[in-house]
Amino acid sequence: MSSLNANHSLGGEPLCCNGNQEKRPLLRGEVPQPASTSVISRRDIASDGTTAIIQIPLPAPERAEPRYKPEKLKTLVAFLWSSLCLIANLFVLAYIHERVPPRTVAPLPDIFFDIFPVVDRALDVSEIIIIASVWTCILLIILHRYRWIVFRRVSIIMGSLYAMRAITMLVTQVPVASTTYFCSPKANSTSLSVIFQRVLKLYTGFGLSINGQHTYCGDYIFSGHTLILTMCFLIVKEYSPQRCRILHILFFCTSCTGVFLVLLARGHYTIDVILGYYVTTRVFWIYHSLCASQLSTKTHLSSQTAVSYLSRVWWYPLFLYFEKNVTGPVPRQYEWPLPWPRKWLPRSRIS
């Protein structure tokens, strides 16, 4: 590389260059650099022995990764909200069991029921898929670097979905879809003691029929099985590494299989599955659209307009409270959750 003239810079402007080794600022044409920008200084020696200092500014890193506080108290509140809505579902089911039409009333006409024969054991297989999917999502959340934020979001969305499901169950009761599913005899009473006993029985069985505790009927209109299976797929798709396409395809197939088996066992009507899928995906996507739009709302008018419409959902105040300090995307990063042996394990930055 040829040496530079001591009296002129590359752009024709003089630099402060003298025989001593002191480092001085540029005389003219100096461009102040932001504090966060790195600078490389290079000293070239001219043929006459003088020196010229060239400062090359370096741009900021292309990928500035945000850091968010875990806000564990908010996560606890979100978990309580989700638990409250889940328990509300159990109370509603315990109550409407007395209002379900008698078994002498035939199931409603359903095209799926006309095409496929009933397979009673398919419901057990579907719930095994649900259990495996839920535990996989729990493991994914635990290993996520921002596990508290992810768990908080899942709790808020699940709570909102279960709140809407409780309303749909309460307002309308339809005949039991299966002619072979066992429903506990009606008590012809809706006293608090009877309802609490039923809720306790449902709670100990985690709301699944495979445990033998879900013997109360009437939870139609909004399929809870579809809700869980769809949520598991959406969580894996949103928070697992993008390059894990095999995992995404696997969860998509297992979710579809689980829903198909629920219909095959006559656990729900087809309209229950359609509504369950539609409501679950809309709430999940609207919530994450609001999360993604927080950075652009201050600079883009179109984003402000979009958010103004999305903010009309009834759970928007919950979003404002829980997402107040999460102003950007959550990186898909993973780490060992325990303090030991975390110091020997490298942090994964897969995206």
Protein backbone atom coordinates (compact mmCIF):
# COMPACT_ATOMS: atom_id res chain seq x y z
CA MET A 1 0.00 0.00 0.00
CA SER A 2 1.40 3.38 -0.97
CA SER A 3 2.05 5.89 1.75
CA LEU A 4 -0.17 8.92 2.18
CA ASN A 5 0.89 12.50 1.80
CA ALA A 6 1.43 14.08 5.18
CA ASN A 7 -0.25 17.32 4.24
CA HIS A 8 -3.45 16.10 2.62
CA SER A 9 -6.06 13.50 3.38
CA LEU A 10 -7.72 11.20 0.88
CA GLY A 11 -10.45 13.76 0.25
CA GLY A 12 -8.00 16.62 -0.22
CA GLU A 13 -8.39 17.99 3.32
CA PRO A 14 -5.32 18.45 5.54
CA LEU A 15 -4.85 16.19 8.51
CA CYS A 16 -3.03 17.04 11.72
CA CYS A 17 0.26 15.32 11.05
CA ASN A 18 3.55 16.18 12.71
CA GLY A 19 6.73 14.43 13.49
CA ASN A 20 5.82 13.63 17.07
CA GLN A 21 3.67 10.63 18.02
CA GLU A 22 0.81 12.57 19.54
CA LYS A 23 -2.71 11.71 18.45
CA ARG A 24 -4.72 14.83 17.59
CA PRO A 25 -8.18 15.40 16.04
CA LEU A 26 -8.73 16.36 12.41
CA LEU A 27 -8.29 20.05 11.62
CA ARG A 28 -11.12 20.39 9.11
CA GLY A 29 -14.00 18.32 7.84
CA GLU A 30 -14.28 16.47 11.12
CA VAL A 31 -17.44 14.39 11.40
CA PRO A 32 -18.45 13.61 15.00
CA GLN A 33 -19.14 9.93 15.62
CA PRO A 34 -21.83 8.61 17.92
CA ALA A 35 -20.67 7.23 21.23
CA SER A 36 -21.78 3.72 20.33
CA THR A 37 -19.78 3.62 17.06
CA SER A 38 -16.38 1.91 17.15
CA VAL A 39 -13.39 3.55 15.48
CA ILE A 40 -10.20 2.02 14.11
CA SER A 41 -7.16 4.35 14.09
CA ARG A 42 -4.35 3.74 11.64
CA ARG A 43 -1.03 5.57 11.47
CA ASP A 44 0.77 5.73 8.10
CA ILE A 45 4.33 7.02 7.65
CA ALA A 46 4.99 9.24 4.67
CA SER A 47 8.22 9.23 2.66
CA ASP A 48 9.50 12.29 4.48
CA GLY A 49 9.13 10.65 7.86
CA THR A 50 5.97 12.42 8.99
CA THR A 51 2.88 10.53 10.06
CA ALA A 52 -0.79 10.70 9.14
CA ILE A 53 -3.55 9.35 11.34
CA ILE A 54 -6.59 7.91 9.62
CA GLN A 55 -9.70 7.11 11.66
CA ILE A 56 -12.11 4.62 10.12
CA PRO A 57 -15.54 4.54 11.78
CA LEU A 58 -17.14 1.13 12.10
CA PRO A 59 -20.91 0.73 11.84
CA ALA A 60 -22.89 -0.59 14.75
CA PRO A 61 -23.46 -4.36 14.86
CA GLU A 62 -26.13 -5.47 12.43
CA ARG A 63 -27.91 -7.59 15.02
CA ALA A 64 -28.52 -5.65 18.20
CA GLU A 65 -30.14 -8.14 20.54
CA PRO A 66 -32.51 -6.64 23.10
CA ARG A 67 -32.48 -7.56 26.74
CA TYR A 68 -35.73 -7.73 28.64
CA LYS A 69 -36.40 -8.06 32.33
CA PRO A 70 -38.16 -11.31 33.32
CA GLU A 71 -40.86 -9.50 35.36
CA LYS A 72 -41.71 -12.60 37.34
CA LEU A 73 -44.52 -10.92 39.25
CA LYS A 74 -46.36 -10.20 36.01
CA THR A 75 -45.83 -13.80 34.96
CA LEU A 76 -47.39 -14.96 38.23
CA VAL A 77 -50.40 -12.70 37.65
CA ALA A 78 -50.75 -14.08 34.11
CA PHE A 79 -50.62 -17.64 35.44
CA LEU A 80 -53.33 -16.82 37.99
CA TRP A 81 -55.46 -15.36 35.20
CA SER A 82 -55.08 -18.53 33.14
CA SER A 83 -55.81 -20.75 36.14
CA LEU A 84 -58.90 -18.71 37.03
CA CYS A 85 -60.32 -19.05 33.53
CA LEU A 86 -59.57 -22.78 33.47
CA ILE A 87 -61.36 -23.29 36.77
CA ALA A 88 -64.26 -21.23 35.42
CA ASN A 89 -64.56 -23.80 32.62
CA LEU A 90 -64.77 -26.58 35.17
CA PHE A 91 -67.51 -24.78 37.11
CA VAL A 92 -69.48 -24.14 33.93
CA LEU A 93 -69.20 -27.79 32.89
CA ALA A 94 -70.25 -28.95 36.35
CA TYR A 95 -73.31 -26.71 36.09
CA ILE A 96 -74.42 -27.38 32.51
CA HIS A 97 -74.21 -31.14 32.99
CA GLU A 98 -77.71 -30.83 34.42
CA ARG A 99 -78.91 -28.86 31.38
CA VAL A 100 -77.68 -31.20 28.64
CA PRO A 101 -80.52 -32.79 26.65
CA PRO A 102 -81.25 -36.39 27.70
CA ARG A 103 -79.51 -39.26 25.94
CA THR A 104 -82.75 -40.12 24.20
CA VAL A 105 -82.20 -37.04 22.01
CA ALA A 106 -80.20 -37.96 18.91
CA PRO A 107 -76.94 -36.14 18.09
CA LEU A 108 -77.11 -33.20 15.72
CA PRO A 109 -76.59 -33.94 12.00
CA ASP A 110 -72.91 -33.73 11.09
CA ILE A 111 -71.28 -34.41 7.71
CA PHE A 112 -68.15 -35.87 9.31
CA PHE A 113 -70.27 -38.33 11.28
CA ASP A 114 -71.98 -39.40 8.07
CA ILE A 115 -68.67 -40.11 6.31
CA PHE A 116 -66.54 -41.73 9.03
CA PRO A 117 -67.59 -44.49 11.43
CA VAL A 118 -67.24 -44.00 15.17
CA VAL A 119 -64.05 -45.23 16.89
CA ASP A 120 -64.37 -44.86 20.66
CA ARG A 121 -60.70 -45.52 21.48
CA ALA A 122 -59.58 -42.71 19.19
CA LEU A 123 -60.27 -40.19 21.97
CA ASP A 124 -57.65 -41.82 24.20
CA VAL A 125 -55.06 -41.66 21.42
CA SER A 126 -55.90 -38.01 20.83
CA GLU A 127 -55.38 -37.17 24.49
CA ILE A 128 -52.06 -39.03 24.51
CA ILE A 129 -51.00 -36.76 21.64
CA ILE A 130 -52.17 -33.77 23.69
CA ILE A 131 -50.12 -34.84 26.72
CA ALA A 132 -46.98 -35.33 24.62
CA SER A 133 -47.47 -32.00 22.84
CA VAL A 134 -48.03 -30.08 26.07
CA TRP A 135 -44.91 -31.49 27.72
CA THR A 136 -42.87 -30.68 24.63
CA CYS A 137 -44.07 -27.08 24.76
CA ILE A 138 -43.28 -26.88 28.47
CA LEU A 139 -39.74 -28.10 27.78
CA LEU A 140 -39.36 -25.57 24.96
CA ILE A 141 -40.47 -22.72 27.23
CA ILE A 142 -38.15 -23.81 30.05
CA LEU A 143 -35.13 -23.88 27.74
CA HIS A 144 -35.98 -20.53 26.14
CA ARG A 145 -33.78 -17.67 27.28
CA TYR A 146 -36.83 -15.43 27.75
CA ARG A 147 -38.91 -18.16 29.33
CA TRP A 148 -40.76 -15.77 31.64
CA ILE A 149 -41.98 -13.65 28.73
CA VAL A 150 -43.02 -16.67 26.66
CA PHE A 151 -44.81 -18.31 29.58
CA ARG A 152 -46.54 -15.02 30.36
CA ARG A 153 -47.79 -14.69 26.79
CA VAL A 154 -49.01 -18.27 26.68
CA SER A 155 -50.84 -17.80 29.98
CA ILE A 156 -52.59 -14.63 28.83
CA ILE A 157 -53.68 -16.18 25.53
CA MET A 158 -54.81 -19.43 27.15
CA GLY A 159 -56.72 -17.56 29.84
CA SER A 160 -58.50 -15.39 27.27
CA LEU A 161 -59.41 -18.42 25.17
CA TYR A 162 -60.75 -20.35 28.15
CA ALA A 163 -62.78 -17.32 29.24
CA MET A 164 -64.49 -17.24 25.84
CA ARG A 165 -64.93 -21.00 25.89
CA ALA A 166 -66.67 -20.83 29.27
CA ILE A 167 -69.17 -18.34 27.86
CA THR A 168 -69.95 -20.46 24.79
CA MET A 169 -70.46 -23.54 26.97
CA LEU A 170 -72.74 -21.68 29.34
CA VAL A 171 -75.10 -20.08 26.85
CA THR A 172 -75.89 -23.07 24.61
CA GLN A 173 -76.19 -26.80 25.29
CA VAL A 174 -76.50 -29.32 22.47
CA PRO A 175 -77.13 -33.09 22.53
CA VAL A 176 -74.19 -35.35 23.30
CA ALA A 177 -72.36 -36.14 20.06
CA SER A 178 -71.43 -39.70 21.03
CA THR A 179 -74.02 -42.38 21.70
CA THR A 180 -71.49 -44.56 23.56
CA TYR A 181 -69.65 -42.02 25.75
CA PHE A 182 -70.43 -42.46 29.46
CA CYS A 183 -72.02 -39.47 31.17
CA SER A 184 -72.55 -39.48 34.93
CA PRO A 185 -76.19 -39.56 36.03
CA LYS A 186 -77.75 -36.19 36.65
CA ALA A 187 -78.26 -35.16 40.25
CA ASN A 188 -81.30 -33.03 39.38
CA SER A 189 -79.72 -30.40 41.60
CA THR A 190 -77.30 -27.52 41.10
CA SER A 191 -76.36 -26.91 44.71
CA LEU A 192 -72.90 -25.55 45.46
CA SER A 193 -71.83 -28.76 47.17
CA VAL A 194 -72.65 -30.83 44.09
CA ILE A 195 -70.88 -28.39 41.77
CA PHE A 196 -67.76 -28.24 43.95
CA GLN A 197 -67.59 -32.04 44.09
CA ARG A 198 -67.76 -32.21 40.31
CA VAL A 199 -65.13 -29.49 39.88
CA LEU A 200 -62.77 -31.33 42.22
CA LYS A 201 -63.23 -34.54 40.26
CA LEU A 202 -62.59 -32.78 36.95
CA TYR A 203 -59.56 -30.97 38.35
CA THR A 204 -57.90 -34.14 39.58
CA GLY A 205 -58.27 -35.62 36.10
CA PHE A 206 -56.83 -32.51 34.39
CA GLY A 207 -59.99 -32.31 32.30
CA LEU A 208 -59.05 -35.38 30.24
CA SER A 209 -61.26 -38.38 29.59
CA ILE A 210 -58.30 -40.77 29.57
CA ASN A 211 -58.00 -40.36 33.35
CA GLY A 212 -61.56 -41.57 33.90
CA GLN A 213 -62.55 -38.37 35.72
CA HIS A 214 -64.19 -36.50 32.84
CA THR A 215 -67.65 -38.05 33.02
CA TYR A 216 -69.68 -34.87 32.72
CA CYS A 217 -71.12 -33.88 29.36
CA GLY A 218 -71.98 -30.62 27.68
CA ASP A 219 -68.63 -29.02 26.78
CA TYR A 220 -69.43 -28.42 23.13
CA ILE A 221 -69.51 -25.42 20.72
CA PHE A 222 -65.82 -24.61 21.42
CA SER A 223 -63.52 -27.65 21.30
CA GLY A 224 -61.00 -27.66 24.14
CA HIS A 225 -59.01 -30.45 22.48
CA THR A 226 -58.64 -28.32 19.35
CA LEU A 227 -57.65 -25.33 21.46
CA ILE A 228 -54.78 -27.20 23.11
CA LEU A 229 -53.53 -28.92 19.95
CA THR A 230 -53.62 -25.68 17.96
CA MET A 231 -51.87 -23.73 20.71
CA CYS A 232 -49.10 -26.31 20.95
CA PHE A 233 -48.41 -26.06 17.24
CA LEU A 234 -48.46 -22.25 17.31
CA ILE A 235 -46.08 -22.12 20.28
CA VAL A 236 -43.59 -24.46 18.64
CA LYS A 237 -43.84 -22.59 15.35
CA GLU A 238 -43.36 -19.19 16.98
CA TYR A 239 -40.66 -19.87 19.56
CA SER A 240 -38.62 -22.81 18.28
CA PRO A 241 -35.68 -22.28 15.87
CA GLN A 242 -36.79 -21.43 12.34
CA ARG A 243 -34.49 -24.04 10.87
CA CYS A 244 -36.27 -26.84 12.77
CA ARG A 245 -38.76 -27.32 9.97
CA ILE A 246 -39.04 -31.03 10.62
CA LEU A 247 -40.26 -30.25 14.14
CA HIS A 248 -42.79 -27.76 12.77
CA ILE A 249 -44.11 -30.26 10.23
CA LEU A 250 -44.26 -32.96 12.90
CA PHE A 251 -46.33 -30.78 15.23
CA PHE A 252 -48.61 -29.73 12.40
CA CYS A 253 -49.26 -33.37 11.52
CA THR A 254 -49.77 -34.46 15.14
CA SER A 255 -52.17 -31.56 15.77
CA CYS A 256 -54.23 -32.42 12.70
CA THR A 257 -54.18 -36.10 13.67
CA GLY A 258 -55.32 -35.31 17.20
CA VAL A 259 -58.23 -33.21 15.95
CA PHE A 260 -59.22 -35.91 13.45
CA LEU A 261 -59.22 -38.53 16.21
CA VAL A 262 -61.43 -36.35 18.41
CA LEU A 263 -64.00 -36.20 15.63
CA LEU A 264 -63.61 -39.90 14.95
CA ALA A 265 -64.47 -40.64 18.59
CA ARG A 266 -67.41 -38.21 18.46
CA GLY A 267 -65.80 -36.14 21.20
CA HIS A 268 -66.96 -32.98 19.42
CA TYR A 269 -69.02 -31.84 16.50
CA THR A 270 -67.21 -30.56 13.43
CA ILE A 271 -68.41 -27.01 14.10
CA ASP A 272 -66.75 -27.20 17.53
CA VAL A 273 -63.41 -27.95 15.90
CA ILE A 274 -63.79 -25.20 13.31
CA LEU A 275 -64.63 -22.58 15.93
CA GLY A 276 -61.86 -23.83 18.21
CA TYR A 277 -59.27 -23.50 15.46
CA TYR A 278 -60.52 -20.14 14.23
CA VAL A 279 -60.74 -18.43 17.62
CA THR A 280 -57.42 -19.84 18.85
CA THR A 281 -55.45 -18.78 15.80
CA ARG A 282 -57.06 -15.31 15.68
CA VAL A 283 -56.25 -14.55 19.31
CA PHE A 284 -52.70 -15.90 19.01
CA TRP A 285 -51.94 -14.04 15.79
CA ILE A 286 -53.55 -10.77 16.89
CA TYR A 287 -51.61 -10.86 20.16
CA HIS A 288 -48.29 -11.43 18.41
CA SER A 289 -49.14 -8.88 15.72
CA LEU A 290 -49.57 -6.31 18.48
CA CYS A 291 -46.22 -7.39 19.92
CA ALA A 292 -44.51 -7.00 16.55
CA SER A 293 -46.06 -3.60 15.85
CA GLN A 294 -44.87 -1.86 19.00
CA LEU A 295 -41.60 -0.74 17.40
CA SER A 296 -43.20 0.74 14.28
CA THR A 297 -46.25 2.47 15.74
CA LYS A 298 -44.34 5.66 16.47
CA THR A 299 -42.97 6.07 12.93
CA HIS A 300 -45.45 4.47 10.56
CA LEU A 301 -48.95 5.84 10.21
CA SER A 302 -50.20 2.60 8.67
CA SER A 303 -49.02 0.69 11.73
CA GLN A 304 -50.82 3.15 13.99
CA THR A 305 -54.03 2.61 12.05
CA ALA A 306 -53.68 -1.17 12.17
CA VAL A 307 -53.04 -1.15 15.91
CA SER A 308 -56.00 1.15 16.49
CA TYR A 309 -58.28 -1.51 15.01
CA LEU A 310 -56.57 -4.44 16.72
CA SER A 311 -56.77 -2.63 20.05
CA ARG A 312 -60.55 -3.02 20.06
CA VAL A 313 -60.34 -6.62 21.26
CA TRP A 314 -61.63 -7.04 24.78
CA TRP A 315 -58.34 -8.36 26.16
CA TYR A 316 -56.27 -5.40 24.89
CA PRO A 317 -55.90 -3.87 28.40
CA LEU A 318 -54.27 -7.13 29.46
CA PHE A 319 -51.87 -6.83 26.55
CA LEU A 320 -50.92 -3.27 27.48
CA TYR A 321 -50.14 -4.25 31.04
CA PHE A 322 -48.17 -7.40 30.39
CA GLU A 323 -46.30 -6.23 27.27
CA LYS A 324 -45.51 -2.71 28.43
CA ASN A 325 -41.78 -3.31 28.81
CA VAL A 326 -41.34 -5.74 25.90
CA THR A 327 -40.96 -3.26 23.06
CA GLY A 328 -39.47 -5.51 20.40
CA PRO A 329 -39.21 -9.06 19.11
CA VAL A 330 -38.20 -11.81 21.49
CA PRO A 331 -35.02 -13.48 20.16
CA ARG A 332 -35.14 -17.24 19.65
CA GLN A 333 -32.34 -17.99 22.08
CA TYR A 334 -31.99 -20.89 24.48
CA GLU A 335 -30.03 -21.61 27.61
CA TRP A 336 -29.85 -24.07 30.46
CA PRO A 337 -32.35 -22.83 33.09
CA LEU A 338 -30.47 -24.01 36.20
CA PRO A 339 -27.46 -22.21 37.72
CA TRP A 340 -25.45 -25.44 37.52
CA PRO A 341 -23.82 -26.39 35.21
CA ARG A 342 -24.78 -23.30 33.17
CA LYS A 343 -21.28 -21.82 33.33
CA TRP A 344 -19.93 -24.80 31.36
CA LEU A 345 -22.70 -24.79 28.76
CA PRO A 346 -22.55 -22.36 25.82
CA ARG A 347 -25.66 -20.29 25.18
CA SER A 348 -27.49 -21.21 22.00
CA ARG A 349 -28.30 -18.38 19.61
CA ILE A 350 -30.27 -20.34 17.08
CA SER A 351 -32.80 -18.40 15.06
